[in-house]
Amino acid sequence: MLEIFRLRRKLLDKGDDLVRPLRMTSADWQLLGAVALAGQPMTTPMIAEAMGLTRQGAQKRLNRMVEQGYFRQQANPRHERSPLYVLTEYGSAAFNKAMALHARWASALVQDLDPDHLEHALEVLQALGRRLEDVRVPRAGVPGTGEDGAAGGGPGGVSAPQGPS
């Protein structure tokens, strides 16, 4: 997993470098991509879920991107307080430019790699993604928290004294 964390950081850093000439960040590019690839207007929670972001983080960035002209809001007939976000012409053009830069960069990145290895790597990552949704994280006992099976919540299972009732 550590290697995946490192790879994620490198991808985000390189993504920032890639779209910097467009005056965007990789996070901006992700939000544009969520709506562009969905092919329909999306709410903040939908965008956040699609991109693996918190709703609050996505909302803050969306507000800024509306001000910059990448998105416009439209009324949501299903939920009055959760507007839909639509790409503007400017936002769509920015996404298309970013994707053109990405295509050239990604092609150079994988140029000497075996396509079968790349396909296998994708399959493994997709399988891990499915398992992460299905397999529960085991609860490790943490001494002193009451989660270690010991009676009480203090060190060695001793409960803290109770105040007057």
C-alpha atoms as a PDB file:
ATOM      1  CA  MET A   1       0.000   0.000   0.000  1.00  0.00           C
ATOM      2  CA  LEU A   2       2.878   2.345   0.741  1.00  0.00           C
ATOM      3  CA  GLU A   3       3.925   2.185  -2.911  1.00  0.00           C
ATOM      4  CA  ILE A   4       0.397   3.137  -3.972  1.00  0.00           C
ATOM      5  CA  PHE A   5       0.494   6.147  -1.621  1.00  0.00           C
ATOM      6  CA  ARG A   6       3.823   7.205  -3.141  1.00  0.00           C
ATOM      7  CA  LEU A   7       2.516   6.728  -6.667  1.00  0.00           C
ATOM      8  CA  ARG A   8      -0.594   8.772  -5.869  1.00  0.00           C
ATOM      9  CA  ARG A   9       1.544  11.645  -4.601  1.00  0.00           C
ATOM     10  CA  LYS A  10       3.740  11.526  -7.716  1.00  0.00           C
ATOM     11  CA  LEU A  11       0.701  11.449 -10.005  1.00  0.00           C
ATOM     12  CA  LEU A  12      -0.848  14.456  -8.272  1.00  0.00           C
ATOM     13  CA  ASP A  13       2.441  16.373  -8.398  1.00  0.00           C
ATOM     14  CA  LYS A  14       2.945  15.566 -12.087  1.00  0.00           C
ATOM     15  CA  GLY A  15      -0.713  16.365 -12.762  1.00  0.00           C
ATOM     16  CA  ASP A  16      -0.184  19.784 -11.185  1.00  0.00           C
ATOM     17  CA  ASP A  17       2.888  20.296 -13.389  1.00  0.00           C
ATOM     18  CA  LEU A  18       0.964  19.167 -16.464  1.00  0.00           C
ATOM     19  CA  VAL A  19      -2.002  21.533 -16.093  1.00  0.00           C
ATOM     20  CA  ARG A  20      -0.143  24.475 -14.531  1.00  0.00           C
ATOM     21  CA  PRO A  21       0.162  26.173 -17.978  1.00  0.00           C
ATOM     22  CA  LEU A  22      -3.654  26.110 -18.073  1.00  0.00           C
ATOM     23  CA  ARG A  23      -3.712  27.838 -14.663  1.00  0.00           C
ATOM     24  CA  MET A  24      -5.281  24.776 -13.041  1.00  0.00           C
ATOM     25  CA  THR A  25      -4.321  22.201 -10.445  1.00  0.00           C
ATOM     26  CA  SER A  26      -4.770  18.454 -10.720  1.00  0.00           C
ATOM     27  CA  ALA A  27      -7.674  18.822  -8.252  1.00  0.00           C
ATOM     28  CA  ASP A  28      -9.368  21.298 -10.624  1.00  0.00           C
ATOM     29  CA  TRP A  29      -8.786  18.864 -13.474  1.00  0.00           C
ATOM     30  CA  GLN A  30     -10.375  16.066 -11.417  1.00  0.00           C
ATOM     31  CA  LEU A  31     -13.545  18.082 -10.803  1.00  0.00           C
ATOM     32  CA  LEU A  32     -13.823  19.048 -14.459  1.00  0.00           C
ATOM     33  CA  GLY A  33     -13.306  15.399 -15.373  1.00  0.00           C
ATOM     34  CA  ALA A  34     -15.993  14.152 -13.010  1.00  0.00           C
ATOM     35  CA  VAL A  35     -18.663  16.240 -14.719  1.00  0.00           C
ATOM     36  CA  ALA A  36     -17.267  15.922 -18.257  1.00  0.00           C
ATOM     37  CA  LEU A  37     -17.037  12.138 -18.065  1.00  0.00           C
ATOM     38  CA  ALA A  38     -20.460  11.795 -16.419  1.00  0.00           C
ATOM     39  CA  GLY A  39     -21.970  13.606 -19.379  1.00  0.00           C
ATOM     40  CA  GLN A  40     -24.598  15.237 -17.185  1.00  0.00           C
ATOM     41  CA  PRO A  41     -24.864  17.872 -14.455  1.00  0.00           C
ATOM     42  CA  MET A  42     -23.825  16.653 -11.003  1.00  0.00           C
ATOM     43  CA  THR A  43     -24.320  17.725  -7.391  1.00  0.00           C
ATOM     44  CA  THR A  44     -21.429  18.335  -5.030  1.00  0.00           C
ATOM     45  CA  PRO A  45     -21.899  14.969  -3.253  1.00  0.00           C
ATOM     46  CA  MET A  46     -21.949  13.164  -6.605  1.00  0.00           C
ATOM     47  CA  ILE A  47     -18.733  14.877  -7.725  1.00  0.00           C
ATOM     48  CA  ALA A  48     -17.058  14.258  -4.368  1.00  0.00           C
ATOM     49  CA  GLU A  49     -17.929  10.565  -4.453  1.00  0.00           C
ATOM     50  CA  ALA A  50     -16.786  10.148  -8.057  1.00  0.00           C
ATOM     51  CA  MET A  51     -13.422  11.721  -7.261  1.00  0.00           C
ATOM     52  CA  GLY A  52     -12.848  10.317  -3.788  1.00  0.00           C
ATOM     53  CA  LEU A  53     -13.030  13.725  -2.123  1.00  0.00           C
ATOM     54  CA  THR A  54     -14.892  14.985   0.911  1.00  0.00           C
ATOM     55  CA  ARG A  55     -18.086  16.886   0.160  1.00  0.00           C
ATOM     56  CA  GLN A  56     -16.700  19.938   1.953  1.00  0.00           C
ATOM     57  CA  GLY A  57     -13.433  19.843  -0.001  1.00  0.00           C
ATOM     58  CA  ALA A  58     -15.261  19.487  -3.302  1.00  0.00           C
ATOM     59  CA  GLN A  59     -17.685  22.311  -2.407  1.00  0.00           C
ATOM     60  CA  LYS A  60     -14.908  24.736  -1.549  1.00  0.00           C
ATOM     61  CA  ARG A  61     -13.137  24.054  -4.836  1.00  0.00           C
ATOM     62  CA  LEU A  62     -16.399  24.147  -6.844  1.00  0.00           C
ATOM     63  CA  ASN A  63     -17.254  27.570  -5.404  1.00  0.00           C
ATOM     64  CA  ARG A  64     -13.877  28.872  -6.560  1.00  0.00           C
ATOM     65  CA  MET A  65     -14.237  27.251  -9.985  1.00  0.00           C
ATOM     66  CA  VAL A  66     -17.700  28.789 -10.457  1.00  0.00           C
ATOM     67  CA  GLU A  67     -16.150  32.213  -9.760  1.00  0.00           C
ATOM     68  CA  GLN A  68     -13.403  31.455 -12.300  1.00  0.00           C
ATOM     69  CA  GLY A  69     -15.931  30.480 -14.961  1.00  0.00           C
ATOM     70  CA  TYR A  70     -15.286  26.717 -15.235  1.00  0.00           C
ATOM     71  CA  PHE A  71     -18.734  25.737 -13.926  1.00  0.00           C
ATOM     72  CA  ARG A  72     -22.152  27.272 -13.602  1.00  0.00           C
ATOM     73  CA  GLN A  73     -24.844  26.213 -11.178  1.00  0.00           C
ATOM     74  CA  GLN A  74     -28.302  25.178 -12.231  1.00  0.00           C
ATOM     75  CA  ALA A  75     -31.355  24.462 -10.103  1.00  0.00           C
ATOM     76  CA  ASN A  76     -31.779  20.878  -8.988  1.00  0.00           C
ATOM     77  CA  PRO A  77     -35.442  19.824  -9.229  1.00  0.00           C
ATOM     78  CA  ARG A  78     -34.777  16.966  -6.786  1.00  0.00           C
ATOM     79  CA  HIS A  79     -33.110  18.981  -4.059  1.00  0.00           C
ATOM     80  CA  GLU A  80     -33.531  22.724  -3.665  1.00  0.00           C
ATOM     81  CA  ARG A  81     -30.379  23.218  -1.560  1.00  0.00           C
ATOM     82  CA  SER A  82     -28.060  21.038  -3.657  1.00  0.00           C
ATOM     83  CA  PRO A  83     -27.513  22.709  -7.040  1.00  0.00           C
ATOM     84  CA  LEU A  84     -26.294  20.888 -10.105  1.00  0.00           C
ATOM     85  CA  TYR A  85     -22.938  21.858 -11.600  1.00  0.00           C
ATOM     86  CA  VAL A  86     -22.574  22.165 -15.358  1.00  0.00           C
ATOM     87  CA  LEU A  87     -19.380  22.749 -17.326  1.00  0.00           C
ATOM     88  CA  THR A  88     -19.263  26.093 -19.079  1.00  0.00           C
ATOM     89  CA  GLU A  89     -17.733  26.409 -22.550  1.00  0.00           C
ATOM     90  CA  TYR A  90     -14.596  27.669 -20.832  1.00  0.00           C
ATOM     91  CA  GLY A  91     -14.569  24.691 -18.440  1.00  0.00           C
ATOM     92  CA  SER A  92     -15.139  22.216 -21.246  1.00  0.00           C
ATOM     93  CA  ALA A  93     -12.334  23.759 -23.318  1.00  0.00           C
ATOM     94  CA  ALA A  94      -9.986  23.690 -20.309  1.00  0.00           C
ATOM     95  CA  PHE A  95     -10.781  20.012 -19.688  1.00  0.00           C
ATOM     96  CA  ASN A  96     -10.192  19.151 -23.357  1.00  0.00           C
ATOM     97  CA  LYS A  97      -6.836  20.984 -23.337  1.00  0.00           C
ATOM     98  CA  ALA A  98      -5.823  19.162 -20.151  1.00  0.00           C
ATOM     99  CA  MET A  99      -6.778  15.817 -21.685  1.00  0.00           C
ATOM    100  CA  ALA A 100      -4.738  16.581 -24.825  1.00  0.00           C
ATOM    101  CA  LEU A 101      -1.703  17.348 -22.648  1.00  0.00           C
ATOM    102  CA  HIS A 102      -2.399  14.198 -20.654  1.00  0.00           C
ATOM    103  CA  ALA A 103      -2.597  12.006 -23.775  1.00  0.00           C
ATOM    104  CA  ARG A 104       0.865  13.113 -24.950  1.00  0.00           C
ATOM    105  CA  TRP A 105       2.376  12.762 -21.478  1.00  0.00           C
ATOM    106  CA  ALA A 106       0.782   9.370 -20.744  1.00  0.00           C
ATOM    107  CA  SER A 107       1.932   8.046 -24.109  1.00  0.00           C
ATOM    108  CA  ALA A 108       5.523   9.028 -23.323  1.00  0.00           C
ATOM    109  CA  LEU A 109       5.201   7.640 -19.796  1.00  0.00           C
ATOM    110  CA  VAL A 110       4.278   4.117 -20.915  1.00  0.00           C
ATOM    111  CA  GLN A 111       6.216   4.100 -24.187  1.00  0.00           C
ATOM    112  CA  ASP A 112       8.608   1.258 -23.299  1.00  0.00           C
ATOM    113  CA  LEU A 113       6.257  -0.729 -21.069  1.00  0.00           C
ATOM    114  CA  ASP A 114       4.672  -3.992 -22.174  1.00  0.00           C
ATOM    115  CA  PRO A 115       0.951  -3.406 -22.918  1.00  0.00           C
ATOM    116  CA  ASP A 116       0.103  -6.787 -21.362  1.00  0.00           C
ATOM    117  CA  HIS A 117       1.827  -5.731 -18.134  1.00  0.00           C
ATOM    118  CA  LEU A 118      -0.110  -2.464 -18.123  1.00  0.00           C
ATOM    119  CA  GLU A 119      -3.392  -4.315 -18.654  1.00  0.00           C
ATOM    120  CA  HIS A 120      -2.542  -6.732 -15.844  1.00  0.00           C
ATOM    121  CA  ALA A 121      -1.600  -3.841 -13.523  1.00  0.00           C
ATOM    122  CA  LEU A 122      -4.969  -2.208 -14.248  1.00  0.00           C
ATOM    123  CA  GLU A 123      -6.800  -5.459 -13.504  1.00  0.00           C
ATOM    124  CA  VAL A 124      -4.955  -5.846 -10.182  1.00  0.00           C
ATOM    125  CA  LEU A 125      -5.736  -2.249  -9.170  1.00  0.00           C
ATOM    126  CA  GLN A 126      -9.407  -2.706 -10.080  1.00  0.00           C
ATOM    127  CA  ALA A 127      -9.569  -5.954  -8.074  1.00  0.00           C
ATOM    128  CA  LEU A 128      -7.993  -4.205  -5.077  1.00  0.00           C
ATOM    129  CA  GLY A 129     -10.531  -1.388  -5.431  1.00  0.00           C
ATOM    130  CA  ARG A 130     -13.413  -3.861  -5.340  1.00  0.00           C
ATOM    131  CA  ARG A 131     -11.940  -5.638  -2.326  1.00  0.00           C
ATOM    132  CA  LEU A 132     -11.460  -2.373  -0.473  1.00  0.00           C
ATOM    133  CA  GLU A 133     -15.209  -1.857  -0.741  1.00  0.00           C
ATOM    134  CA  ASP A 134     -16.052  -5.413   0.337  1.00  0.00           C
ATOM    135  CA  VAL A 135     -13.499  -6.437   2.977  1.00  0.00           C
ATOM    136  CA  ARG A 136     -13.900  -5.035   6.486  1.00  0.00           C
ATOM    137  CA  VAL A 137     -10.929  -3.486   8.225  1.00  0.00           C
ATOM    138  CA  PRO A 138     -10.105  -5.569  11.315  1.00  0.00           C
ATOM    139  CA  ARG A 139     -10.325  -3.765  14.627  1.00  0.00           C
ATOM    140  CA  ALA A 140      -6.950  -3.982  16.282  1.00  0.00           C
ATOM    141  CA  GLY A 141      -7.123  -3.908  20.038  1.00  0.00           C
ATOM    142  CA  VAL A 142      -5.769  -0.632  21.348  1.00  0.00           C
ATOM    143  CA  PRO A 143      -4.666  -0.829  24.987  1.00  0.00           C
ATOM    144  CA  GLY A 144      -6.352   1.666  27.241  1.00  0.00           C
ATOM    145  CA  THR A 145      -9.320   2.327  24.967  1.00  0.00           C
ATOM    146  CA  GLY A 146     -11.595  -0.507  25.932  1.00  0.00           C
ATOM    147  CA  GLU A 147     -11.132  -1.974  22.429  1.00  0.00           C
ATOM    148  CA  ASP A 148      -8.571  -4.522  23.592  1.00  0.00           C
ATOM    149  CA  GLY A 149     -11.058  -6.820  25.241  1.00  0.00           C
ATOM    150  CA  ALA A 150      -9.946  -5.817  28.724  1.00  0.00           C
ATOM    151  CA  ALA A 151     -12.521  -4.710  31.262  1.00  0.00           C
ATOM    152  CA  GLY A 152     -12.632  -0.966  31.706  1.00  0.00           C
ATOM    153  CA  GLY A 153     -11.062   1.676  29.549  1.00  0.00           C
ATOM    154  CA  GLY A 154      -7.899   2.591  31.418  1.00  0.00           C
ATOM    155  CA  PRO A 155      -4.432   1.039  31.386  1.00  0.00           C
ATOM    156  CA  GLY A 156      -4.576  -2.666  32.143  1.00  0.00           C
ATOM    157  CA  GLY A 157      -8.361  -2.610  31.959  1.00  0.00           C
ATOM    158  CA  VAL A 158      -8.746  -0.382  35.021  1.00  0.00           C
ATOM    159  CA  SER A 159     -11.552   2.123  34.720  1.00  0.00           C
ATOM    160  CA  ALA A 160     -11.026   5.725  35.701  1.00  0.00           C
ATOM    161  CA  PRO A 161     -12.693   6.703  38.960  1.00  0.00           C
ATOM    162  CA  GLN A 162     -16.208   8.038  38.559  1.00  0.00           C
ATOM    163  CA  GLY A 163     -17.147  11.443  39.907  1.00  0.00           C
ATOM    164  CA  PRO A 164     -20.053  11.958  42.275  1.00  0.00           C
ATOM    165  CA  SER A 165     -23.410  11.018  40.833  1.00  0.00           C
END
